PDB file of N, CA and C in Angstrom:
ATOM      1  N   MET A   1      -4.970 -25.391  -5.001  1.00  0.00           N
ATOM      2  CA  MET A   1      -4.613 -24.681  -6.203  1.00  0.00           C
ATOM      3  C   MET A   1      -3.536 -23.665  -5.864  1.00  0.00           C
ATOM      4  N   ALA A   2      -2.523 -23.559  -6.701  1.00  0.00           N
ATOM      5  CA  ALA A   2      -1.419 -22.635  -6.477  1.00  0.00           C
ATOM      6  C   ALA A   2      -1.881 -21.203  -6.709  1.00  0.00           C
ATOM      7  N   PRO A   3      -1.304 -20.266  -5.950  1.00  0.00           N
ATOM      8  CA  PRO A   3      -1.682 -18.869  -6.162  1.00  0.00           C
ATOM      9  C   PRO A   3      -1.266 -18.405  -7.555  1.00  0.00           C
ATOM     10  N   VAL A   4      -2.053 -17.524  -8.141  1.00  0.00           N
ATOM     11  CA  VAL A   4      -1.808 -17.020  -9.487  1.00  0.00           C
ATOM     12  C   VAL A   4      -0.993 -15.740  -9.397  1.00  0.00           C
ATOM     13  N   ASP A   5       0.109 -15.712 -10.109  1.00  0.00           N
ATOM     14  CA  ASP A   5       0.922 -14.501 -10.175  1.00  0.00           C
ATOM     15  C   ASP A   5       0.219 -13.547 -11.144  1.00  0.00           C
ATOM     16  N   PRO A   6      -0.164 -12.349 -10.685  1.00  0.00           N
ATOM     17  CA  PRO A   6      -0.918 -11.449 -11.564  1.00  0.00           C
ATOM     18  C   PRO A   6      -0.164 -11.041 -12.823  1.00  0.00           C
ATOM     19  N   LEU A   7       1.155 -11.098 -12.792  1.00  0.00           N
ATOM     20  CA  LEU A   7       1.933 -10.715 -13.973  1.00  0.00           C
ATOM     21  C   LEU A   7       2.043 -11.849 -14.991  1.00  0.00           C
ATOM     22  N   ARG A   8       1.745 -13.074 -14.592  1.00  0.00           N
ATOM     23  CA  ARG A   8       1.911 -14.221 -15.481  1.00  0.00           C
ATOM     24  C   ARG A   8       0.614 -14.978 -15.694  1.00  0.00           C
ATOM     25  N   ARG A   9      -0.512 -14.356 -15.556  1.00  0.00           N
ATOM     26  CA  ARG A   9      -1.762 -15.088 -15.673  1.00  0.00           C
ATOM     27  C   ARG A   9      -2.139 -15.405 -17.113  1.00  0.00           C
ATOM     28  N   HIS A  10      -1.447 -14.831 -18.093  1.00  0.00           N
ATOM     29  CA  HIS A  10      -1.746 -15.090 -19.500  1.00  0.00           C
ATOM     30  C   HIS A  10      -0.631 -15.895 -20.162  1.00  0.00           C
ATOM     31  N   GLU A  11      -0.157 -16.909 -19.498  1.00  0.00           N
ATOM     32  CA  GLU A  11       0.900 -17.743 -20.061  1.00  0.00           C
ATOM     33  C   GLU A  11       0.371 -18.565 -21.221  1.00  0.00           C
ATOM     34  N   ILE A  12       1.237 -18.838 -22.153  1.00  0.00           N
ATOM     35  CA  ILE A  12       0.890 -19.690 -23.289  1.00  0.00           C
ATOM     36  C   ILE A  12       1.208 -21.122 -22.892  1.00  0.00           C
ATOM     37  N   VAL A  13       0.239 -21.979 -23.017  1.00  0.00           N
ATOM     38  CA  VAL A  13       0.421 -23.384 -22.681  1.00  0.00           C
ATOM     39  C   VAL A  13       0.723 -24.133 -23.962  1.00  0.00           C
ATOM     40  N   VAL A  14       1.880 -24.768 -24.015  1.00  0.00           N
ATOM     41  CA  VAL A  14       2.300 -25.522 -25.192  1.00  0.00           C
ATOM     42  C   VAL A  14       1.962 -26.988 -24.955  1.00  0.00           C
ATOM     43  N   PRO A  15       1.200 -27.611 -25.861  1.00  0.00           N
ATOM     44  CA  PRO A  15       0.863 -29.021 -25.670  1.00  0.00           C
ATOM     45  C   PRO A  15       2.108 -29.891 -25.834  1.00  0.00           C
ATOM     46  N   PRO A  16       2.104 -31.072 -25.211  1.00  0.00           N
ATOM     47  CA  PRO A  16       3.257 -31.963 -25.365  1.00  0.00           C
ATOM     48  C   PRO A  16       3.382 -32.414 -26.813  1.00  0.00           C
ATOM     49  N   PRO A  17       4.598 -32.780 -27.250  1.00  0.00           N
ATOM     50  CA  PRO A  17       4.769 -33.226 -28.643  1.00  0.00           C
ATOM     51  C   PRO A  17       3.984 -34.505 -28.906  1.00  0.00           C
ATOM     52  N   VAL A  18       3.538 -34.634 -30.125  1.00  0.00           N
ATOM     53  CA  VAL A  18       2.779 -35.820 -30.524  1.00  0.00           C
ATOM     54  C   VAL A  18       3.749 -36.977 -30.725  1.00  0.00           C
ATOM     55  N   ASP A  19       3.413 -38.110 -30.152  1.00  0.00           N
ATOM     56  CA  ASP A  19       4.238 -39.306 -30.318  1.00  0.00           C
ATOM     57  C   ASP A  19       3.922 -39.907 -31.680  1.00  0.00           C
ATOM     58  N   ALA A  20       4.810 -39.696 -32.641  1.00  0.00           N
ATOM     59  CA  ALA A  20       4.555 -40.119 -34.024  1.00  0.00           C
ATOM     60  C   ALA A  20       4.392 -41.628 -34.135  1.00  0.00           C
ATOM     61  N   GLU A  21       5.117 -42.386 -33.336  1.00  0.00           N
ATOM     62  CA  GLU A  21       5.007 -43.842 -33.410  1.00  0.00           C
ATOM     63  C   GLU A  21       3.623 -44.302 -32.952  1.00  0.00           C
ATOM     64  N   ARG A  22       3.089 -43.636 -31.957  1.00  0.00           N
ATOM     65  CA  ARG A  22       1.804 -44.043 -31.406  1.00  0.00           C
ATOM     66  C   ARG A  22       0.651 -43.644 -32.324  1.00  0.00           C
ATOM     67  N   THR A  23       0.780 -42.542 -33.040  1.00  0.00           N
ATOM     68  CA  THR A  23      -0.310 -42.049 -33.877  1.00  0.00           C
ATOM     69  C   THR A  23      -0.111 -42.382 -35.351  1.00  0.00           C
ATOM     70  N   PHE A  24       0.864 -43.194 -35.678  1.00  0.00           N
ATOM     71  CA  PHE A  24       1.200 -43.478 -37.076  1.00  0.00           C
ATOM     72  C   PHE A  24       0.057 -44.173 -37.813  1.00  0.00           C
ATOM     73  N   MET A  25      -0.383 -45.312 -37.328  1.00  0.00           N
ATOM     74  CA  MET A  25      -1.403 -46.094 -38.017  1.00  0.00           C
ATOM     75  C   MET A  25      -2.776 -45.807 -37.416  1.00  0.00           C
ATOM     76  N   THR A  26      -3.439 -44.824 -37.947  1.00  0.00           N
ATOM     77  CA  THR A  26      -4.797 -44.526 -37.534  1.00  0.00           C
ATOM     78  C   THR A  26      -5.694 -44.686 -38.744  1.00  0.00           C
ATOM     79  N   ARG A  27      -6.929 -44.327 -38.583  1.00  0.00           N
ATOM     80  CA  ARG A  27      -7.872 -44.329 -39.697  1.00  0.00           C
ATOM     81  C   ARG A  27      -8.188 -45.740 -40.198  1.00  0.00           C
ATOM     82  N   PHE A  28      -8.436 -46.670 -39.276  1.00  0.00           N
ATOM     83  CA  PHE A  28      -8.696 -48.052 -39.673  1.00  0.00           C
ATOM     84  C   PHE A  28      -9.957 -48.160 -40.529  1.00  0.00           C
ATOM     85  N   LYS A  29     -10.970 -47.346 -40.241  1.00  0.00           N
ATOM     86  CA  LYS A  29     -12.196 -47.380 -41.024  1.00  0.00           C
ATOM     87  C   LYS A  29     -11.906 -46.996 -42.472  1.00  0.00           C
ATOM     88  N   GLU A  30     -11.098 -45.949 -42.651  1.00  0.00           N
ATOM     89  CA  GLU A  30     -10.755 -45.521 -44.001  1.00  0.00           C
ATOM     90  C   GLU A  30      -9.873 -46.550 -44.701  1.00  0.00           C
ATOM     91  N   LEU A  31      -8.969 -47.192 -43.955  1.00  0.00           N
ATOM     92  CA  LEU A  31      -8.125 -48.228 -44.555  1.00  0.00           C
ATOM     93  C   LEU A  31      -8.964 -49.401 -45.056  1.00  0.00           C
ATOM     94  N   ARG A  32      -9.968 -49.795 -44.282  1.00  0.00           N
ATOM     95  CA  ARG A  32     -10.865 -50.872 -44.735  1.00  0.00           C
ATOM     96  C   ARG A  32     -11.617 -50.439 -45.988  1.00  0.00           C
ATOM     97  N   ARG A  33     -12.023 -49.186 -46.043  1.00  0.00           N
ATOM     98  CA  ARG A  33     -12.740 -48.668 -47.221  1.00  0.00           C
ATOM     99  C   ARG A  33     -11.829 -48.673 -48.450  1.00  0.00           C
ATOM    100  N   ILE A  34     -10.562 -48.303 -48.260  1.00  0.00           N
ATOM    101  CA  ILE A  34      -9.594 -48.311 -49.361  1.00  0.00           C
ATOM    102  C   ILE A  34      -9.348 -49.738 -49.838  1.00  0.00           C
ATOM    103  N   GLU A  35      -9.172 -50.670 -48.889  1.00  0.00           N
ATOM    104  CA  GLU A  35      -8.949 -52.067 -49.259  1.00  0.00           C
ATOM    105  C   GLU A  35     -10.138 -52.622 -50.050  1.00  0.00           C
ATOM    106  N   ALA A  36     -11.346 -52.284 -49.630  1.00  0.00           N
ATOM    107  CA  ALA A  36     -12.546 -52.747 -50.346  1.00  0.00           C
ATOM    108  C   ALA A  36     -12.596 -52.149 -51.749  1.00  0.00           C
ATOM    109  N   ALA A  37     -12.223 -50.881 -51.879  1.00  0.00           N
ATOM    110  CA  ALA A  37     -12.222 -50.240 -53.207  1.00  0.00           C
ATOM    111  C   ALA A  37     -11.230 -50.928 -54.132  1.00  0.00           C
ATOM    112  N   ILE A  38     -10.051 -51.271 -53.608  1.00  0.00           N
ATOM    113  CA  ILE A  38      -9.041 -51.953 -54.414  1.00  0.00           C
ATOM    114  C   ILE A  38      -9.531 -53.338 -54.820  1.00  0.00           C
ATOM    115  N   GLU A  39     -10.118 -54.051 -53.868  1.00  0.00           N
ATOM    116  CA  GLU A  39     -10.577 -55.414 -54.135  1.00  0.00           C
ATOM    117  C   GLU A  39     -11.705 -55.446 -55.166  1.00  0.00           C
ATOM    118  N   HIS A  40     -12.660 -54.525 -55.061  1.00  0.00           N
ATOM    119  CA  HIS A  40     -13.834 -54.535 -55.944  1.00  0.00           C
ATOM    120  C   HIS A  40     -13.671 -53.675 -57.189  1.00  0.00           C
ATOM    121  N   ARG A  41     -12.570 -52.931 -57.278  1.00  0.00           N
ATOM    122  CA  ARG A  41     -12.283 -52.069 -58.430  1.00  0.00           C
ATOM    123  C   ARG A  41     -13.419 -51.067 -58.686  1.00  0.00           C
ATOM    124  N   ASP A  42     -13.984 -50.558 -57.609  1.00  0.00           N
ATOM    125  CA  ASP A  42     -15.070 -49.572 -57.700  1.00  0.00           C
ATOM    126  C   ASP A  42     -14.447 -48.214 -58.007  1.00  0.00           C
ATOM    127  N   GLN A  43     -14.737 -47.669 -59.202  1.00  0.00           N
ATOM    128  CA  GLN A  43     -14.082 -46.445 -59.663  1.00  0.00           C
ATOM    129  C   GLN A  43     -14.359 -45.241 -58.759  1.00  0.00           C
ATOM    130  N   ALA A  44     -15.582 -45.105 -58.304  1.00  0.00           N
ATOM    131  CA  ALA A  44     -15.916 -43.969 -57.433  1.00  0.00           C
ATOM    132  C   ALA A  44     -15.132 -44.056 -56.123  1.00  0.00           C
ATOM    133  N   GLN A  45     -15.077 -45.252 -55.568  1.00  0.00           N
ATOM    134  CA  GLN A  45     -14.343 -45.439 -54.308  1.00  0.00           C
ATOM    135  C   GLN A  45     -12.829 -45.315 -54.521  1.00  0.00           C
ATOM    136  N   LEU A  46     -12.348 -45.734 -55.679  1.00  0.00           N
ATOM    137  CA  LEU A  46     -10.914 -45.590 -55.966  1.00  0.00           C
ATOM    138  C   LEU A  46     -10.534 -44.120 -56.117  1.00  0.00           C
ATOM    139  N   ARG A  47     -11.426 -43.326 -56.700  1.00  0.00           N
ATOM    140  CA  ARG A  47     -11.164 -41.880 -56.792  1.00  0.00           C
ATOM    141  C   ARG A  47     -11.121 -41.270 -55.398  1.00  0.00           C
ATOM    142  N   TRP A  48     -12.068 -41.680 -54.530  1.00  0.00           N
ATOM    143  CA  TRP A  48     -12.072 -41.189 -53.159  1.00  0.00           C
ATOM    144  C   TRP A  48     -10.780 -41.611 -52.450  1.00  0.00           C
ATOM    145  N   ALA A  49     -10.379 -42.866 -52.633  1.00  0.00           N
ATOM    146  CA  ALA A  49      -9.179 -43.382 -51.971  1.00  0.00           C
ATOM    147  C   ALA A  49      -7.929 -42.635 -52.436  1.00  0.00           C
ATOM    148  N   ALA A  50      -7.846 -42.344 -53.719  1.00  0.00           N
ATOM    149  CA  ALA A  50      -6.688 -41.612 -54.239  1.00  0.00           C
ATOM    150  C   ALA A  50      -6.624 -40.215 -53.626  1.00  0.00           C
ATOM    151  N   GLU A  51      -7.764 -39.551 -53.529  1.00  0.00           N
ATOM    152  CA  GLU A  51      -7.800 -38.217 -52.920  1.00  0.00           C
ATOM    153  C   GLU A  51      -7.478 -38.281 -51.431  1.00  0.00           C
ATOM    154  N   PHE A  52      -7.984 -39.297 -50.756  1.00  0.00           N
ATOM    155  CA  PHE A  52      -7.703 -39.463 -49.329  1.00  0.00           C
ATOM    156  C   PHE A  52      -6.210 -39.682 -49.106  1.00  0.00           C
ATOM    157  N   CYS A  53      -5.597 -40.540 -49.920  1.00  0.00           N
ATOM    158  CA  CYS A  53      -4.155 -40.793 -49.803  1.00  0.00           C
ATOM    159  C   CYS A  53      -3.360 -39.522 -50.075  1.00  0.00           C
ATOM    160  N   ARG A  54      -3.769 -38.768 -51.083  1.00  0.00           N
ATOM    161  CA  ARG A  54      -3.074 -37.519 -51.398  1.00  0.00           C
ATOM    162  C   ARG A  54      -3.120 -36.559 -50.205  1.00  0.00           C
ATOM    163  N   THR A  55      -4.273 -36.466 -49.584  1.00  0.00           N
ATOM    164  CA  THR A  55      -4.417 -35.602 -48.417  1.00  0.00           C
ATOM    165  C   THR A  55      -3.546 -36.079 -47.268  1.00  0.00           C
ATOM    166  N   ARG A  56      -3.530 -37.380 -47.039  1.00  0.00           N
ATOM    167  CA  ARG A  56      -2.709 -37.927 -45.941  1.00  0.00           C
ATOM    168  C   ARG A  56      -1.214 -37.734 -46.217  1.00  0.00           C
ATOM    169  N   ILE A  57      -0.804 -37.826 -47.465  1.00  0.00           N
ATOM    170  CA  ILE A  57       0.600 -37.598 -47.812  1.00  0.00           C
ATOM    171  C   ILE A  57       0.975 -36.142 -47.549  1.00  0.00           C
ATOM    172  N   LEU A  58       0.109 -35.229 -47.956  1.00  0.00           N
ATOM    173  CA  LEU A  58       0.392 -33.805 -47.755  1.00  0.00           C
ATOM    174  C   LEU A  58       0.441 -33.429 -46.277  1.00  0.00           C
ATOM    175  N   ASN A  59      -0.328 -34.125 -45.442  1.00  0.00           N
ATOM    176  CA  ASN A  59      -0.401 -33.799 -44.019  1.00  0.00           C
ATOM    177  C   ASN A  59       0.418 -34.732 -43.138  1.00  0.00           C
ATOM    178  N   ALA A  60       1.248 -35.572 -43.741  1.00  0.00           N
ATOM    179  CA  ALA A  60       2.044 -36.517 -42.953  1.00  0.00           C
ATOM    180  C   ALA A  60       3.034 -35.774 -42.061  1.00  0.00           C
ATOM    181  N   ARG A  61       3.154 -36.242 -40.828  1.00  0.00           N
ATOM    182  CA  ARG A  61       4.066 -35.610 -39.874  1.00  0.00           C
ATOM    183  C   ARG A  61       5.452 -36.233 -39.897  1.00  0.00           C
ATOM    184  N   THR A  62       5.540 -37.471 -40.339  1.00  0.00           N
ATOM    185  CA  THR A  62       6.842 -38.133 -40.386  1.00  0.00           C
ATOM    186  C   THR A  62       7.069 -38.717 -41.773  1.00  0.00           C
ATOM    187  N   LYS A  63       8.308 -38.961 -42.098  1.00  0.00           N
ATOM    188  CA  LYS A  63       8.630 -39.582 -43.386  1.00  0.00           C
ATOM    189  C   LYS A  63       8.066 -40.996 -43.452  1.00  0.00           C
ATOM    190  N   ARG A  64       8.031 -41.675 -42.311  1.00  0.00           N
ATOM    191  CA  ARG A  64       7.490 -43.032 -42.265  1.00  0.00           C
ATOM    192  C   ARG A  64       6.006 -43.022 -42.624  1.00  0.00           C
ATOM    193  N   ALA A  65       5.268 -42.065 -42.077  1.00  0.00           N
ATOM    194  CA  ALA A  65       3.841 -41.958 -42.381  1.00  0.00           C
ATOM    195  C   ALA A  65       3.636 -41.614 -43.859  1.00  0.00           C
ATOM    196  N   GLU A  66       4.468 -40.717 -44.361  1.00  0.00           N
ATOM    197  CA  GLU A  66       4.370 -40.356 -45.775  1.00  0.00           C
ATOM    198  C   GLU A  66       4.637 -41.560 -46.667  1.00  0.00           C
ATOM    199  N   ALA A  67       5.651 -42.342 -46.332  1.00  0.00           N
ATOM    200  CA  ALA A  67       5.975 -43.538 -47.122  1.00  0.00           C
ATOM    201  C   ALA A  67       4.823 -44.542 -47.071  1.00  0.00           C
ATOM    202  N   HIS A  68       4.201 -44.684 -45.911  1.00  0.00           N
ATOM    203  CA  HIS A  68       3.071 -45.599 -45.753  1.00  0.00           C
ATOM    204  C   HIS A  68       1.932 -45.225 -46.702  1.00  0.00           C
ATOM    205  N   TRP A  69       1.559 -43.930 -46.719  1.00  0.00           N
ATOM    206  CA  TRP A  69       0.455 -43.489 -47.559  1.00  0.00           C
ATOM    207  C   TRP A  69       0.830 -43.498 -49.030  1.00  0.00           C
ATOM    208  N   ARG A  70       2.103 -43.303 -49.350  1.00  0.00           N
ATOM    209  CA  ARG A  70       2.535 -43.401 -50.753  1.00  0.00           C
ATOM    210  C   ARG A  70       2.400 -44.840 -51.262  1.00  0.00           C
ATOM    211  N   ARG A  71       2.719 -45.820 -50.404  1.00  0.00           N
ATOM    212  CA  ARG A  71       2.557 -47.229 -50.800  1.00  0.00           C
ATOM    213  C   ARG A  71       1.088 -47.551 -51.066  1.00  0.00           C
ATOM    214  N   ILE A  72       0.217 -47.070 -50.197  1.00  0.00           N
ATOM    215  CA  ILE A  72      -1.210 -47.316 -50.398  1.00  0.00           C
ATOM    216  C   ILE A  72      -1.700 -46.608 -51.658  1.00  0.00           C
ATOM    217  N   ALA A  73      -1.268 -45.381 -51.884  1.00  0.00           N
ATOM    218  CA  ALA A  73      -1.665 -44.634 -53.081  1.00  0.00           C
ATOM    219  C   ALA A  73      -1.203 -45.363 -54.344  1.00  0.00           C
ATOM    220  N   LYS A  74      -0.031 -45.945 -54.294  1.00  0.00           N
ATOM    221  CA  LYS A  74       0.481 -46.698 -55.447  1.00  0.00           C
ATOM    222  C   LYS A  74      -0.431 -47.890 -55.758  1.00  0.00           C
ATOM    223  N   ARG A  75      -0.896 -48.584 -54.711  1.00  0.00           N
ATOM    224  CA  ARG A  75      -1.814 -49.708 -54.904  1.00  0.00           C
ATOM    225  C   ARG A  75      -3.156 -49.224 -55.466  1.00  0.00           C
ATOM    226  N   VAL A  76      -3.623 -48.074 -54.994  1.00  0.00           N
ATOM    227  CA  VAL A  76      -4.889 -47.516 -55.484  1.00  0.00           C
ATOM    228  C   VAL A  76      -4.761 -47.179 -56.967  1.00  0.00           C
ATOM    229  N   HIS A  77      -3.658 -46.543 -57.353  1.00  0.00           N
ATOM    230  CA  HIS A  77      -3.464 -46.177 -58.766  1.00  0.00           C
ATOM    231  C   HIS A  77      -3.311 -47.413 -59.644  1.00  0.00           C
ATOM    232  N   ALA A  78      -2.667 -48.450 -59.123  1.00  0.00           N
ATOM    233  CA  ALA A  78      -2.550 -49.701 -59.895  1.00  0.00           C
ATOM    234  C   ALA A  78      -3.928 -50.315 -60.106  1.00  0.00           C
ATOM    235  N   ALA A  79      -4.775 -50.292 -59.086  1.00  0.00           N
ATOM    236  CA  ALA A  79      -6.122 -50.834 -59.221  1.00  0.00           C
ATOM    237  C   ALA A  79      -6.948 -50.004 -60.194  1.00  0.00           C
ATOM    238  N   THR A  80      -6.751 -48.704 -60.189  1.00  0.00           N
ATOM    239  CA  THR A  80      -7.463 -47.818 -61.121  1.00  0.00           C
ATOM    240  C   THR A  80      -7.060 -48.114 -62.555  1.00  0.00           C
ATOM    241  N   ASP A  81      -5.773 -48.353 -62.770  1.00  0.00           N
ATOM    242  CA  ASP A  81      -5.290 -48.650 -64.126  1.00  0.00           C
ATOM    243  C   ASP A  81      -5.786 -50.012 -64.633  1.00  0.00           C
ATOM    244  N   GLN A  82      -5.965 -50.969 -63.736  1.00  0.00           N
ATOM    245  CA  GLN A  82      -6.398 -52.304 -64.138  1.00  0.00           C
ATOM    246  C   GLN A  82      -7.904 -52.369 -64.414  1.00  0.00           C
ATOM    247  N   ALA A  83      -8.639 -51.445 -63.842  1.00  0.00           N
ATOM    248  CA  ALA A  83     -10.106 -51.485 -63.992  1.00  0.00           C
ATOM    249  C   ALA A  83     -10.549 -51.011 -65.362  1.00  0.00           C
TER     250      ALA A  83
END
């Protein structure tokens, strides 16, 4: 272990940047739940899916991720309108 400099023992450690390409498509369990809601036109699940998509859009780190969740939200809203 390297010796600790007493003047620098409280350094701020910055985590490495998140690789957006690697973390883009996550939440497979939720995606399956959304797909099932769209397929079965279950209103309660479609409301949950719409809220989930809205949250993912608001918290998207990249424009690509935002576009992905907007496409899914559009499908959820179309299924809601058809039901």
